[in-house]
Structures are given as C-alpha cells and as structure tokens.
Amino acid sequence: MRLRQMLDQLLDFTQTRLGRALTLHRQRTDLGPVARHVIDELEAYHPASTFVLERDGDLNGDWDAGRLAQVISNLGGNAVQHGRAERPITVRLQGLAAEVRVSVHNEGPAIPKELRARIFDPLTRGAGGRLPPHKGSIGLGLYICRQIVLAHGGTIEVASDAQGTTFRFTLPRETAPEAALALAPGPQRAAP
C-alpha cells in the first residue's frame, strides 16, 4: 500500500511539474461519509491512535471523492506521525453557504516557522525541511494535497504552535472549469 501511494505521488508530482492539471472525476459528493471511511482506514492502520470526526452543516459539493480522500488520509497520516500518540486527532468538517471547510488537528510540537513557509513545496520533509526519503515518505504528500485542493478551486494552509498543528482546507461547492487550471506553475524554463 505504501509503495502504491509513493508511486501515485510520483506520477502526480510529474504531471503537475509538467504543467498539466491533475485528473479529477467530479460528481456530487457528501464529504461526511468520505471522511468517515478514511478515518476508519487510518484507525485500522494505526490502532494506537484515536480520531474524532466532527461534522456540521451540509457537506455536499461537486468534487472528486477519491482525491479528497487522498488529502484527508495524507493529513491524518501526518497527524499520527507528528502528533502526541496519547492525544486524539480531530478531523472537523464544516458546511457553509458556498463552501466546506475541513481541518485536521493534532497536538504535538510546533512546526518551525521556517518550515511552515515551504511545507507544501515538493520534496520537503521533517524538521530540517529538505531531507532524503525514509520510513516510506518521499516528501510529496503535502505538495499533492495542495495540488488536489487547488484543482478543486480551494485553498489550504497550516497553523502550528505549542498547542499543536492544524491543516485547513476550504472547498467551494461548485468550481468554475477555469479554476481547476489554477495549479502550481510548470517546470522552470531559462530565459532566452
């Protein structure tokens, strides 16, 4: 499963770095059951961890359920890896009029400010920022999360302090087709 995830991340990374949009299969999606399924998987894979799912409001939108499951799974896995094992991880879904907000919070040490500034960059991992892969991570998970959220026309951010870390992303319920193209720039080209 980890090998498949790493290969998928490398393919997504390559696709976005070549300037291509991620492939989305949009359909009417209720994010509540998607998050519940992901949390069930995370709890099975990490039986010592406790997850709390909080839902509020209408959680339906025009989204790719599989891609959003990938985002929640990645953020939840990071929370397990970097949070305090004895403290619960909270996944909160909040439906507002035109958007749905999702947050994943864990208690644990703060992410250093200098790393927070580039945490969604590719090949960025750990306390030092840019580290070689180990323990099944290649440093693309948060980059891919950002690309998926951007492809849906949303935003993603991180807040971290001594009380813990929270990743938040917001998804518009409906996305204009041109918003899906607002991804990270393609490969850097030298000026002529």
Protein backbone atom coordinates (compact mmCIF):
# COMPACT_ATOMS: atom_id res chain seq x y z
CA MET A 1 0.00 0.00 0.00
CA ARG A 2 2.82 2.41 0.88
CA LEU A 3 4.66 1.58 -2.35
CA ARG A 4 1.49 2.22 -4.38
CA GLN A 5 0.98 5.53 -2.56
CA MET A 6 4.57 6.59 -3.27
CA LEU A 7 4.24 5.69 -6.97
CA ASP A 8 0.94 7.58 -7.22
CA GLN A 9 2.56 10.63 -5.61
CA LEU A 10 5.49 10.49 -8.04
CA LEU A 11 3.08 10.31 -11.00
CA ASP A 12 1.03 13.24 -9.67
CA PHE A 13 4.22 15.23 -9.00
CA THR A 14 5.49 14.60 -12.52
CA GLN A 15 2.14 15.53 -14.04
CA THR A 16 1.91 18.86 -12.18
CA ARG A 17 5.56 19.77 -12.75
CA LEU A 18 5.00 19.30 -16.49
CA GLY A 19 2.25 21.91 -16.26
CA ARG A 20 -0.67 19.50 -16.55
CA ALA A 21 -3.72 19.67 -14.31
CA LEU A 22 -4.45 16.76 -12.03
CA THR A 23 -7.18 14.50 -13.32
CA LEU A 24 -10.42 14.94 -11.37
CA HIS A 25 -13.54 12.78 -11.60
CA ARG A 26 -16.16 15.15 -10.24
CA GLN A 27 -19.52 14.03 -9.03
CA ARG A 28 -21.98 15.05 -6.35
CA THR A 29 -20.16 14.05 -3.15
CA ASP A 30 -21.07 14.07 0.54
CA LEU A 31 -17.74 14.65 2.29
CA GLY A 32 -19.04 13.19 5.59
CA PRO A 33 -19.00 9.51 4.51
CA VAL A 34 -15.73 10.06 2.62
CA ALA A 35 -14.05 11.33 5.80
CA ARG A 36 -15.62 8.56 7.92
CA HIS A 37 -14.26 5.89 5.55
CA VAL A 38 -10.76 7.43 5.57
CA ILE A 39 -10.76 7.66 9.36
CA ASP A 40 -11.86 4.02 9.63
CA GLU A 41 -8.89 3.06 7.44
CA LEU A 42 -6.49 5.22 9.45
CA GLU A 43 -7.73 3.71 12.73
CA ALA A 44 -7.24 0.19 11.33
CA TYR A 45 -3.73 1.06 10.14
CA HIS A 46 -2.86 2.95 13.36
CA PRO A 47 -4.78 1.14 16.14
CA ALA A 48 -3.00 3.09 18.92
CA SER A 49 -4.29 6.39 17.54
CA THR A 50 -7.66 7.97 18.33
CA PHE A 51 -9.56 10.02 15.76
CA VAL A 52 -12.52 12.29 16.42
CA LEU A 53 -14.75 13.27 13.49
CA GLU A 54 -16.87 16.41 13.90
CA ARG A 55 -19.45 17.29 11.25
CA ASP A 56 -21.53 20.42 10.96
CA GLY A 57 -23.87 21.56 8.17
CA ASP A 58 -24.31 20.49 4.57
CA LEU A 59 -21.17 18.68 3.37
CA ASN A 60 -22.13 18.18 -0.28
CA GLY A 61 -20.30 19.54 -3.30
CA ASP A 62 -19.11 18.86 -6.84
CA TRP A 63 -15.84 17.08 -6.06
CA ASP A 64 -13.62 14.09 -6.76
CA ALA A 65 -14.27 11.89 -3.71
CA GLY A 66 -11.18 9.74 -4.26
CA ARG A 67 -8.86 12.72 -4.49
CA LEU A 68 -10.34 14.33 -1.36
CA ALA A 69 -9.99 11.01 0.47
CA GLN A 70 -6.32 11.15 -0.52
CA VAL A 71 -5.99 14.61 1.06
CA ILE A 72 -7.71 13.61 4.32
CA SER A 73 -5.72 10.38 4.50
CA ASN A 74 -2.42 12.18 3.98
CA LEU A 75 -3.19 14.86 6.55
CA GLY A 76 -4.42 12.23 9.02
CA GLY A 77 -1.31 10.10 8.49
CA ASN A 78 0.91 13.12 9.07
CA ALA A 79 -1.02 13.89 12.27
CA VAL A 80 -0.36 10.35 13.51
CA GLN A 81 3.32 10.59 12.63
CA HIS A 82 3.97 14.02 14.16
CA GLY A 83 1.35 14.30 16.92
CA ARG A 84 1.34 13.08 20.50
CA ALA A 85 0.32 9.42 20.47
CA GLU A 86 -1.81 9.73 23.61
CA ARG A 87 -3.85 12.67 22.27
CA PRO A 88 -6.72 12.42 19.77
CA ILE A 89 -6.56 13.72 16.21
CA THR A 90 -9.59 15.83 15.33
CA VAL A 91 -11.00 15.98 11.82
CA ARG A 92 -13.62 18.72 11.51
CA LEU A 93 -15.95 19.26 8.55
CA GLN A 94 -17.96 22.47 8.43
CA GLY A 95 -20.51 23.21 5.74
CA LEU A 96 -21.05 26.90 5.00
CA ALA A 97 -23.25 28.56 2.37
CA ALA A 98 -20.89 28.33 -0.63
CA GLU A 99 -18.04 26.18 0.70
CA VAL A 100 -16.98 23.39 3.01
CA ARG A 101 -14.07 23.79 5.42
CA VAL A 102 -12.01 20.83 6.59
CA SER A 103 -9.40 20.82 9.33
CA VAL A 104 -7.13 18.12 10.73
CA HIS A 105 -5.65 18.93 14.14
CA ASN A 106 -3.09 17.10 16.25
CA GLU A 107 -1.41 18.03 19.50
CA GLY A 108 2.35 17.92 19.39
CA PRO A 109 5.44 20.02 18.83
CA ALA A 110 5.10 23.08 16.63
CA ILE A 111 6.31 23.03 13.06
CA PRO A 112 9.21 25.52 12.89
CA LYS A 113 8.21 28.80 11.24
CA GLU A 114 10.87 28.48 8.53
CA LEU A 115 9.49 25.07 7.51
CA ARG A 116 5.85 26.25 7.55
CA ALA A 117 6.73 28.77 4.83
CA ARG A 118 7.61 25.94 2.42
CA ILE A 119 5.78 22.94 3.84
CA PHE A 120 3.68 22.48 0.69
CA ASP A 121 6.74 22.54 -1.58
CA PRO A 122 7.74 19.24 -3.20
CA LEU A 123 10.41 17.08 -1.57
CA THR A 124 10.07 18.93 1.75
CA ARG A 125 10.04 16.77 4.87
CA GLY A 126 10.80 16.76 8.55
CA ALA A 127 12.28 19.29 10.90
CA GLY A 128 15.10 20.23 8.54
CA GLY A 129 12.89 20.88 5.55
CA ARG A 130 14.58 19.05 2.70
CA LEU A 131 15.58 15.56 3.70
CA PRO A 132 16.18 12.29 1.85
CA PRO A 133 13.27 9.83 1.88
CA HIS A 134 12.93 7.37 4.73
CA LYS A 135 10.17 5.47 6.52
CA GLY A 136 8.06 5.29 3.36
CA SER A 137 7.95 9.05 2.75
CA ILE A 138 9.29 10.90 -0.24
CA GLY A 139 8.20 14.39 0.77
CA LEU A 140 5.42 14.79 -1.79
CA GLY A 141 2.31 14.22 0.33
CA LEU A 142 1.58 17.83 1.29
CA TYR A 143 2.52 19.06 -2.18
CA ILE A 144 -0.02 16.66 -3.71
CA CYS A 145 -2.62 17.72 -1.11
CA ARG A 146 -2.17 21.32 -2.19
CA GLN A 147 -2.45 20.42 -5.87
CA ILE A 148 -5.68 18.47 -5.27
CA VAL A 149 -7.23 21.31 -3.26
CA LEU A 150 -6.16 23.89 -5.87
CA ALA A 151 -7.60 21.72 -8.67
CA HIS A 152 -10.94 21.90 -6.83
CA GLY A 153 -10.65 25.72 -6.69
CA GLY A 154 -9.91 25.67 -2.95
CA THR A 155 -7.23 26.85 -0.55
CA ILE A 156 -5.06 25.06 2.01
CA GLU A 157 -2.98 26.36 4.92
CA VAL A 158 -1.23 25.29 8.10
CA ALA A 159 -1.17 26.81 11.58
CA SER A 160 1.17 25.46 14.22
CA ASP A 161 2.15 26.44 17.75
CA ALA A 162 2.95 24.82 21.10
CA GLN A 163 -0.63 23.54 21.38
CA GLY A 164 -0.48 21.61 18.12
CA THR A 165 -0.79 21.74 14.36
CA THR A 166 -3.88 22.29 12.22
CA PHE A 167 -4.08 21.84 8.47
CA ARG A 168 -7.15 23.55 7.00
CA PHE A 169 -8.54 23.45 3.51
CA THR A 170 -11.60 25.08 2.01
CA LEU A 171 -13.51 23.75 -0.99
CA PRO A 172 -16.08 25.69 -2.98
CA ARG A 173 -19.20 23.58 -3.50
CA GLU A 174 -19.13 24.28 -7.24
CA THR A 175 -15.98 25.09 -9.20
CA ALA A 176 -15.75 27.01 -12.45
CA PRO A 177 -13.76 24.97 -15.03
CA GLU A 178 -11.04 27.64 -15.29
CA ALA A 179 -10.41 27.44 -11.53
CA ALA A 180 -9.29 23.84 -11.93
CA LEU A 181 -6.41 25.04 -14.09
CA ALA A 182 -5.00 27.34 -11.36
CA LEU A 183 -2.27 24.96 -10.31
CA ALA A 184 1.37 25.44 -9.48
CA PRO A 185 3.45 26.59 -12.45
CA GLY A 186 5.02 24.01 -14.71
CA PRO A 187 8.76 23.42 -14.96
CA GLN A 188 11.01 26.43 -14.70
CA ARG A 189 12.43 27.50 -18.04
CA ALA A 190 15.57 29.53 -18.56
CA ALA A 191 15.08 32.92 -20.17
CA PRO A 192 16.20 33.08 -23.82
